[in-house]
N, C-alpha and C. Protein backbone atom coordinates (compact mmCIF):
# COMPACT_ATOMS: atom_id res chain seq x y z
N MET A 1 64.46 14.61 -18.61
CA MET A 1 63.23 14.48 -19.37
C MET A 1 62.80 13.05 -19.48
N GLY A 2 61.59 12.87 -19.96
CA GLY A 2 60.97 11.54 -19.97
C GLY A 2 61.40 10.70 -21.17
N ASP A 3 60.55 9.78 -21.51
CA ASP A 3 60.78 8.82 -22.57
C ASP A 3 60.80 9.53 -23.94
N LYS A 4 61.97 9.54 -24.57
CA LYS A 4 62.13 10.25 -25.88
C LYS A 4 61.39 9.54 -27.00
N ASN A 5 61.00 8.30 -26.81
CA ASN A 5 60.28 7.58 -27.83
C ASN A 5 58.80 7.89 -27.79
N SER A 6 58.34 8.57 -26.76
CA SER A 6 56.92 8.91 -26.61
C SER A 6 56.66 10.32 -27.15
N LEU A 7 55.52 10.47 -27.77
CA LEU A 7 55.14 11.76 -28.36
C LEU A 7 53.72 12.08 -27.99
N PHE A 8 53.51 13.26 -27.44
CA PHE A 8 52.16 13.74 -27.08
C PHE A 8 51.68 14.61 -28.23
N ILE A 9 50.47 14.36 -28.71
CA ILE A 9 49.88 15.11 -29.81
C ILE A 9 48.94 16.18 -29.25
N ASP A 10 49.22 17.43 -29.55
CA ASP A 10 48.35 18.54 -29.13
C ASP A 10 47.09 18.51 -29.96
N THR A 11 46.04 19.13 -29.42
CA THR A 11 44.73 19.13 -30.08
C THR A 11 44.79 19.71 -31.50
N ASN A 12 45.54 20.80 -31.69
CA ASN A 12 45.57 21.43 -33.01
C ASN A 12 46.10 20.47 -34.07
N ILE A 13 47.11 19.69 -33.75
CA ILE A 13 47.66 18.74 -34.71
C ILE A 13 46.62 17.65 -35.03
N LEU A 14 45.92 17.20 -34.01
CA LEU A 14 44.89 16.17 -34.20
C LEU A 14 43.79 16.70 -35.13
N ILE A 15 43.39 17.94 -34.92
CA ILE A 15 42.36 18.54 -35.78
C ILE A 15 42.88 18.67 -37.20
N TYR A 16 44.05 19.24 -37.39
CA TYR A 16 44.59 19.42 -38.74
C TYR A 16 44.73 18.08 -39.45
N ALA A 17 45.14 17.07 -38.74
CA ALA A 17 45.36 15.75 -39.36
C ALA A 17 44.07 15.07 -39.79
N ASN A 18 42.99 15.41 -39.12
CA ASN A 18 41.73 14.70 -39.34
C ASN A 18 40.67 15.46 -40.09
N VAL A 19 40.91 16.71 -40.37
CA VAL A 19 39.95 17.52 -41.11
C VAL A 19 40.62 17.99 -42.40
N ILE A 20 40.21 17.39 -43.50
CA ILE A 20 40.86 17.64 -44.79
C ILE A 20 40.83 19.12 -45.18
N GLU A 21 39.78 19.84 -44.78
CA GLU A 21 39.63 21.23 -45.14
C GLU A 21 40.59 22.18 -44.42
N THR A 22 41.27 21.71 -43.39
CA THR A 22 42.16 22.59 -42.67
C THR A 22 43.41 22.89 -43.50
N PRO A 23 43.99 24.05 -43.32
CA PRO A 23 45.11 24.45 -44.17
C PRO A 23 46.39 23.61 -43.96
N PHE A 24 46.51 22.94 -42.83
CA PHE A 24 47.74 22.20 -42.54
C PHE A 24 47.51 20.71 -42.46
N HIS A 25 46.49 20.26 -43.14
CA HIS A 25 46.10 18.82 -43.07
C HIS A 25 47.26 17.91 -43.44
N GLN A 26 47.85 18.09 -44.59
CA GLN A 26 48.90 17.19 -45.07
C GLN A 26 50.09 17.14 -44.14
N GLN A 27 50.55 18.32 -43.67
CA GLN A 27 51.72 18.38 -42.79
C GLN A 27 51.47 17.68 -41.45
N ALA A 28 50.29 17.90 -40.88
CA ALA A 28 49.96 17.30 -39.58
C ALA A 28 49.83 15.79 -39.72
N LEU A 29 49.13 15.36 -40.76
CA LEU A 29 48.96 13.92 -40.97
C LEU A 29 50.31 13.24 -41.22
N ALA A 30 51.17 13.89 -41.98
CA ALA A 30 52.50 13.35 -42.25
C ALA A 30 53.32 13.24 -40.95
N ALA A 31 53.21 14.22 -40.09
CA ALA A 31 53.97 14.21 -38.85
C ALA A 31 53.52 13.06 -37.95
N ILE A 32 52.22 12.83 -37.85
CA ILE A 32 51.71 11.72 -37.06
C ILE A 32 52.12 10.38 -37.67
N ASN A 33 51.99 10.28 -38.99
CA ASN A 33 52.37 9.03 -39.67
C ASN A 33 53.84 8.74 -39.52
N THR A 34 54.67 9.76 -39.60
CA THR A 34 56.12 9.59 -39.42
C THR A 34 56.43 9.08 -38.02
N ALA A 35 55.76 9.65 -37.02
CA ALA A 35 55.97 9.20 -35.65
C ALA A 35 55.53 7.75 -35.48
N TYR A 36 54.40 7.41 -36.05
CA TYR A 36 53.90 6.04 -35.99
C TYR A 36 54.85 5.06 -36.69
N ASP A 37 55.25 5.44 -37.91
CA ASP A 37 56.13 4.56 -38.70
C ASP A 37 57.49 4.36 -38.03
N SER A 38 57.93 5.33 -37.24
CA SER A 38 59.23 5.18 -36.57
C SER A 38 59.11 4.46 -35.23
N GLY A 39 57.91 3.99 -34.92
CA GLY A 39 57.71 3.16 -33.72
C GLY A 39 57.53 3.95 -32.42
N ARG A 40 57.25 5.23 -32.54
CA ARG A 40 57.06 6.03 -31.32
C ARG A 40 55.73 5.71 -30.68
N THR A 41 55.66 5.81 -29.39
CA THR A 41 54.42 5.67 -28.66
C THR A 41 53.70 7.02 -28.72
N ILE A 42 52.52 7.05 -29.27
CA ILE A 42 51.79 8.30 -29.48
C ILE A 42 50.72 8.42 -28.42
N TRP A 43 50.72 9.59 -27.76
CA TRP A 43 49.82 9.87 -26.65
C TRP A 43 48.89 11.04 -26.95
N ILE A 44 47.68 10.95 -26.43
CA ILE A 44 46.77 12.08 -26.29
C ILE A 44 46.23 12.00 -24.85
N SER A 45 45.40 12.95 -24.46
CA SER A 45 44.82 12.92 -23.12
C SER A 45 43.31 13.10 -23.21
N ARG A 46 42.64 12.88 -22.10
CA ARG A 46 41.20 13.13 -22.04
C ARG A 46 40.92 14.62 -22.33
N GLN A 47 41.82 15.49 -21.90
CA GLN A 47 41.69 16.91 -22.19
C GLN A 47 41.71 17.17 -23.71
N VAL A 48 42.63 16.53 -24.41
CA VAL A 48 42.71 16.69 -25.87
C VAL A 48 41.45 16.18 -26.54
N ILE A 49 40.91 15.08 -26.06
CA ILE A 49 39.66 14.55 -26.60
C ILE A 49 38.53 15.58 -26.41
N ARG A 50 38.42 16.16 -25.20
CA ARG A 50 37.39 17.16 -24.94
C ARG A 50 37.57 18.37 -25.85
N GLU A 51 38.81 18.86 -25.99
CA GLU A 51 39.07 20.02 -26.83
C GLU A 51 38.73 19.70 -28.28
N TYR A 52 39.03 18.51 -28.74
CA TYR A 52 38.70 18.09 -30.11
C TYR A 52 37.18 18.14 -30.31
N LEU A 53 36.45 17.57 -29.36
CA LEU A 53 34.99 17.59 -29.44
C LEU A 53 34.42 19.00 -29.43
N VAL A 54 34.97 19.84 -28.57
CA VAL A 54 34.50 21.24 -28.49
C VAL A 54 34.71 21.92 -29.86
N THR A 55 35.88 21.79 -30.40
CA THR A 55 36.21 22.49 -31.63
C THR A 55 35.41 21.97 -32.82
N LEU A 56 35.31 20.67 -32.97
CA LEU A 56 34.67 20.11 -34.15
C LEU A 56 33.15 20.06 -34.09
N THR A 57 32.57 20.31 -32.93
CA THR A 57 31.10 20.35 -32.85
C THR A 57 30.58 21.76 -32.72
N ARG A 58 31.48 22.74 -32.76
CA ARG A 58 31.08 24.15 -32.77
C ARG A 58 30.57 24.47 -34.18
N PRO A 59 29.29 24.84 -34.31
CA PRO A 59 28.69 25.01 -35.64
C PRO A 59 29.46 25.97 -36.57
N GLN A 60 29.97 27.04 -36.06
CA GLN A 60 30.66 27.99 -36.93
C GLN A 60 32.03 27.51 -37.36
N ALA A 61 32.55 26.45 -36.77
CA ALA A 61 33.90 25.97 -37.10
C ALA A 61 33.90 25.02 -38.29
N PHE A 62 33.19 23.93 -38.19
CA PHE A 62 33.22 22.90 -39.23
C PHE A 62 31.80 22.43 -39.50
N GLU A 63 31.10 23.17 -40.33
CA GLU A 63 29.68 22.86 -40.59
C GLU A 63 29.49 21.55 -41.35
N ASN A 64 30.48 21.15 -42.12
CA ASN A 64 30.33 19.96 -42.96
C ASN A 64 30.56 18.64 -42.24
N LEU A 65 31.02 18.69 -41.00
CA LEU A 65 31.37 17.46 -40.30
C LEU A 65 30.25 17.04 -39.36
N PRO A 66 29.54 15.95 -39.67
CA PRO A 66 28.47 15.50 -38.79
C PRO A 66 29.02 15.06 -37.42
N LYS A 67 28.21 15.26 -36.41
CA LYS A 67 28.62 14.88 -35.05
C LYS A 67 28.96 13.40 -34.98
N ALA A 68 28.21 12.55 -35.69
CA ALA A 68 28.49 11.11 -35.67
C ALA A 68 29.90 10.81 -36.17
N THR A 69 30.35 11.55 -37.17
CA THR A 69 31.70 11.39 -37.71
C THR A 69 32.74 11.76 -36.66
N VAL A 70 32.51 12.87 -35.98
CA VAL A 70 33.43 13.32 -34.94
C VAL A 70 33.52 12.28 -33.83
N LEU A 71 32.40 11.74 -33.43
CA LEU A 71 32.39 10.72 -32.38
C LEU A 71 33.08 9.45 -32.81
N GLU A 72 32.95 9.08 -34.10
CA GLU A 72 33.68 7.92 -34.62
C GLU A 72 35.18 8.16 -34.62
N GLN A 73 35.57 9.37 -34.95
CA GLN A 73 37.00 9.73 -34.92
C GLN A 73 37.55 9.57 -33.51
N VAL A 74 36.81 10.06 -32.52
CA VAL A 74 37.26 9.95 -31.14
C VAL A 74 37.43 8.50 -30.73
N GLU A 75 36.51 7.65 -31.12
CA GLU A 75 36.62 6.21 -30.83
C GLU A 75 37.89 5.64 -31.47
N GLN A 76 38.21 6.08 -32.69
CA GLN A 76 39.44 5.63 -33.33
C GLN A 76 40.68 6.11 -32.57
N PHE A 77 40.66 7.36 -32.12
CA PHE A 77 41.80 7.89 -31.35
C PHE A 77 42.05 7.03 -30.11
N ILE A 78 40.98 6.69 -29.42
CA ILE A 78 41.08 5.88 -28.21
C ILE A 78 41.69 4.51 -28.53
N GLU A 79 41.36 4.00 -29.71
CA GLU A 79 41.92 2.71 -30.13
C GLU A 79 43.36 2.81 -30.59
N TRP A 80 43.71 3.87 -31.31
CA TRP A 80 45.03 4.01 -31.92
C TRP A 80 46.09 4.54 -31.00
N PHE A 81 45.74 5.45 -30.09
CA PHE A 81 46.71 6.16 -29.27
C PHE A 81 46.63 5.73 -27.81
N GLN A 82 47.71 5.96 -27.10
CA GLN A 82 47.67 5.84 -25.65
C GLN A 82 46.91 7.07 -25.12
N VAL A 83 46.02 6.86 -24.17
CA VAL A 83 45.22 7.96 -23.65
C VAL A 83 45.55 8.16 -22.18
N ALA A 84 46.05 9.36 -21.87
CA ALA A 84 46.40 9.72 -20.49
C ALA A 84 45.16 10.28 -19.79
N ASP A 85 44.90 9.74 -18.61
CA ASP A 85 43.78 10.22 -17.81
C ASP A 85 44.21 11.38 -16.93
N ASP A 86 43.24 12.22 -16.57
CA ASP A 86 43.50 13.29 -15.62
C ASP A 86 43.48 12.68 -14.21
N THR A 87 44.65 12.44 -13.69
CA THR A 87 44.78 11.79 -12.38
C THR A 87 45.21 12.79 -11.32
N ALA A 88 45.27 12.32 -10.09
CA ALA A 88 45.78 13.17 -9.01
C ALA A 88 47.22 13.59 -9.27
N ASN A 89 48.00 12.70 -9.88
CA ASN A 89 49.39 13.01 -10.19
C ASN A 89 49.47 14.14 -11.23
N VAL A 90 48.55 14.16 -12.18
CA VAL A 90 48.52 15.25 -13.18
C VAL A 90 48.23 16.57 -12.47
N THR A 91 47.28 16.56 -11.56
CA THR A 91 46.94 17.76 -10.82
C THR A 91 48.11 18.24 -9.96
N GLU A 92 48.80 17.31 -9.36
CA GLU A 92 50.00 17.64 -8.59
C GLU A 92 51.07 18.28 -9.46
N GLU A 93 51.28 17.72 -10.65
CA GLU A 93 52.25 18.31 -11.59
C GLU A 93 51.82 19.69 -12.05
N LEU A 94 50.52 19.86 -12.26
CA LEU A 94 49.99 21.17 -12.67
C LEU A 94 50.24 22.22 -11.60
N THR A 95 49.98 21.88 -10.38
CA THR A 95 50.20 22.89 -9.31
C THR A 95 51.68 23.20 -9.15
N LYS A 96 52.54 22.20 -9.36
CA LYS A 96 53.99 22.46 -9.35
C LYS A 96 54.36 23.44 -10.46
N LEU A 97 53.84 23.21 -11.66
CA LEU A 97 54.10 24.11 -12.79
C LEU A 97 53.61 25.51 -12.50
N MET A 98 52.45 25.62 -11.89
CA MET A 98 51.89 26.94 -11.61
C MET A 98 52.73 27.67 -10.56
N ASN A 99 53.38 26.94 -9.68
CA ASN A 99 54.29 27.54 -8.71
C ASN A 99 55.59 27.96 -9.35
N ASP A 100 56.05 27.17 -10.33
CA ASP A 100 57.36 27.39 -10.93
C ASP A 100 57.37 28.35 -12.13
N PHE A 101 56.21 28.55 -12.76
CA PHE A 101 56.15 29.38 -13.96
C PHE A 101 55.03 30.41 -13.78
N LYS A 102 55.12 31.47 -14.56
CA LYS A 102 54.07 32.48 -14.57
C LYS A 102 52.94 31.96 -15.47
N ILE A 103 51.90 31.45 -14.83
CA ILE A 103 50.78 30.81 -15.54
C ILE A 103 49.49 31.33 -14.97
N GLY A 104 48.52 31.63 -15.80
CA GLY A 104 47.21 32.05 -15.36
C GLY A 104 46.20 31.99 -16.47
N GLY A 105 44.93 32.01 -16.13
CA GLY A 105 43.86 32.05 -17.11
C GLY A 105 43.91 30.88 -18.08
N LYS A 106 43.74 31.17 -19.37
CA LYS A 106 43.70 30.13 -20.40
C LYS A 106 45.01 29.36 -20.51
N GLN A 107 46.10 29.91 -20.00
CA GLN A 107 47.39 29.23 -20.04
C GLN A 107 47.36 27.94 -19.24
N VAL A 108 46.41 27.82 -18.33
CA VAL A 108 46.30 26.61 -17.53
C VAL A 108 46.02 25.39 -18.41
N HIS A 109 45.28 25.58 -19.50
CA HIS A 109 44.97 24.45 -20.39
C HIS A 109 46.25 23.86 -20.98
N ASP A 110 47.12 24.71 -21.52
CA ASP A 110 48.38 24.23 -22.07
C ASP A 110 49.29 23.68 -20.98
N SER A 111 49.25 24.31 -19.85
CA SER A 111 50.07 23.86 -18.70
C SER A 111 49.61 22.48 -18.26
N ASN A 112 48.32 22.19 -18.35
CA ASN A 112 47.83 20.89 -17.96
C ASN A 112 48.32 19.81 -18.94
N ILE A 113 48.51 20.17 -20.20
CA ILE A 113 49.10 19.22 -21.16
C ILE A 113 50.52 18.89 -20.72
N VAL A 114 51.28 19.90 -20.35
CA VAL A 114 52.64 19.66 -19.87
C VAL A 114 52.63 18.85 -18.59
N ALA A 115 51.70 19.14 -17.70
CA ALA A 115 51.58 18.38 -16.45
C ALA A 115 51.28 16.91 -16.74
N THR A 116 50.39 16.68 -17.71
CA THR A 116 50.04 15.32 -18.11
C THR A 116 51.27 14.61 -18.65
N MET A 117 52.02 15.31 -19.49
CA MET A 117 53.24 14.72 -20.06
C MET A 117 54.20 14.32 -18.94
N ARG A 118 54.38 15.20 -17.96
CA ARG A 118 55.30 14.91 -16.87
C ARG A 118 54.80 13.72 -16.01
N ALA A 119 53.50 13.69 -15.78
CA ALA A 119 52.94 12.60 -14.97
C ALA A 119 53.08 11.24 -15.65
N TYR A 120 53.07 11.26 -16.98
CA TYR A 120 53.14 10.02 -17.75
C TYR A 120 54.52 9.78 -18.37
N ASP A 121 55.51 10.60 -18.00
CA ASP A 121 56.88 10.46 -18.46
C ASP A 121 57.00 10.55 -19.99
N ILE A 122 56.28 11.53 -20.57
CA ILE A 122 56.32 11.79 -22.00
C ILE A 122 57.15 13.08 -22.21
N SER A 123 58.21 12.99 -22.95
CA SER A 123 59.11 14.16 -23.04
C SER A 123 58.83 15.05 -24.24
N CYS A 124 58.18 14.55 -25.29
CA CYS A 124 58.06 15.32 -26.54
C CYS A 124 56.61 15.68 -26.85
N LEU A 125 56.43 16.92 -27.28
CA LEU A 125 55.11 17.43 -27.66
C LEU A 125 55.13 17.85 -29.10
N LEU A 126 54.14 17.39 -29.88
CA LEU A 126 53.97 17.82 -31.26
C LEU A 126 52.80 18.82 -31.28
N THR A 127 53.11 20.05 -31.66
CA THR A 127 52.11 21.12 -31.65
C THR A 127 52.35 22.11 -32.77
N HIS A 128 51.31 22.80 -33.14
CA HIS A 128 51.43 23.91 -34.06
C HIS A 128 51.65 25.21 -33.28
N ASN A 129 51.23 25.24 -32.04
CA ASN A 129 51.32 26.43 -31.19
C ASN A 129 52.59 26.42 -30.35
N VAL A 130 53.72 26.41 -30.99
CA VAL A 130 55.02 26.34 -30.31
C VAL A 130 55.16 27.46 -29.30
N LYS A 131 54.77 28.66 -29.65
CA LYS A 131 54.95 29.80 -28.77
C LYS A 131 54.19 29.64 -27.43
N ASP A 132 53.07 28.93 -27.46
CA ASP A 132 52.30 28.70 -26.22
C ASP A 132 53.04 27.82 -25.22
N PHE A 133 53.99 27.06 -25.71
CA PHE A 133 54.72 26.11 -24.86
C PHE A 133 56.16 26.49 -24.64
N LYS A 134 56.61 27.61 -25.24
CA LYS A 134 58.01 28.05 -25.15
C LYS A 134 58.51 28.10 -23.70
N ARG A 135 57.66 28.56 -22.77
CA ARG A 135 58.08 28.70 -21.39
C ARG A 135 58.51 27.35 -20.77
N PHE A 136 58.07 26.25 -21.39
CA PHE A 136 58.37 24.91 -20.86
C PHE A 136 59.51 24.21 -21.59
N GLU A 137 60.21 24.92 -22.49
CA GLU A 137 61.22 24.26 -23.33
C GLU A 137 62.38 23.66 -22.54
N ASN A 138 62.54 24.02 -21.29
CA ASN A 138 63.59 23.41 -20.49
C ASN A 138 63.16 22.10 -19.83
N ILE A 139 61.84 21.82 -19.86
CA ILE A 139 61.36 20.60 -19.21
C ILE A 139 60.67 19.63 -20.17
N ILE A 140 60.34 20.10 -21.38
CA ILE A 140 59.78 19.23 -22.43
C ILE A 140 60.46 19.56 -23.74
N GLU A 141 60.46 18.62 -24.64
CA GLU A 141 60.94 18.85 -26.00
C GLU A 141 59.75 19.22 -26.85
N ILE A 142 59.82 20.31 -27.57
CA ILE A 142 58.72 20.78 -28.41
C ILE A 142 59.07 20.48 -29.86
N GLU A 143 58.23 19.66 -30.49
CA GLU A 143 58.40 19.32 -31.89
C GLU A 143 57.33 20.08 -32.66
N GLY A 144 57.67 21.30 -33.03
CA GLY A 144 56.75 22.11 -33.80
C GLY A 144 56.87 21.78 -35.27
N ILE A 145 55.77 21.95 -35.97
CA ILE A 145 55.79 21.74 -37.40
C ILE A 145 55.77 23.10 -38.06
N ASN A 146 56.67 23.32 -38.99
CA ASN A 146 56.73 24.60 -39.69
C ASN A 146 55.69 24.61 -40.79
N PHE A 147 54.64 25.35 -40.56
CA PHE A 147 53.57 25.46 -41.53
C PHE A 147 53.73 26.74 -42.31
């Protein structure tokens, strides 16, 4: 596995940590702060940024959050976290994963997160959706938060 000091933050954790109205706000924020305070390198990807924007600008999801606020948050993420780009190496890792695991449809999105982690040598994932990543537990470390 990759660098144990590096932590990839899944979109759901980023949303919970940054939207006070979410039911798991305190736990997600505490998990990110703990990782930061312990000196871990915290990663997100361009995919996570897109998913964050999709979720928080969907009118039925968070009506109280102005788009300008969401865009400011994204700028802060880019400043605070390491941002992994979707590179040819990520695509190569994704196709390897698709050959090695039973993956299809929407599962490709989560698989691309794992591919990104592998391409950037990130071994640990912080997510609320542990079950979505269970198939990869032999190649990444999953740090789920018990909510």
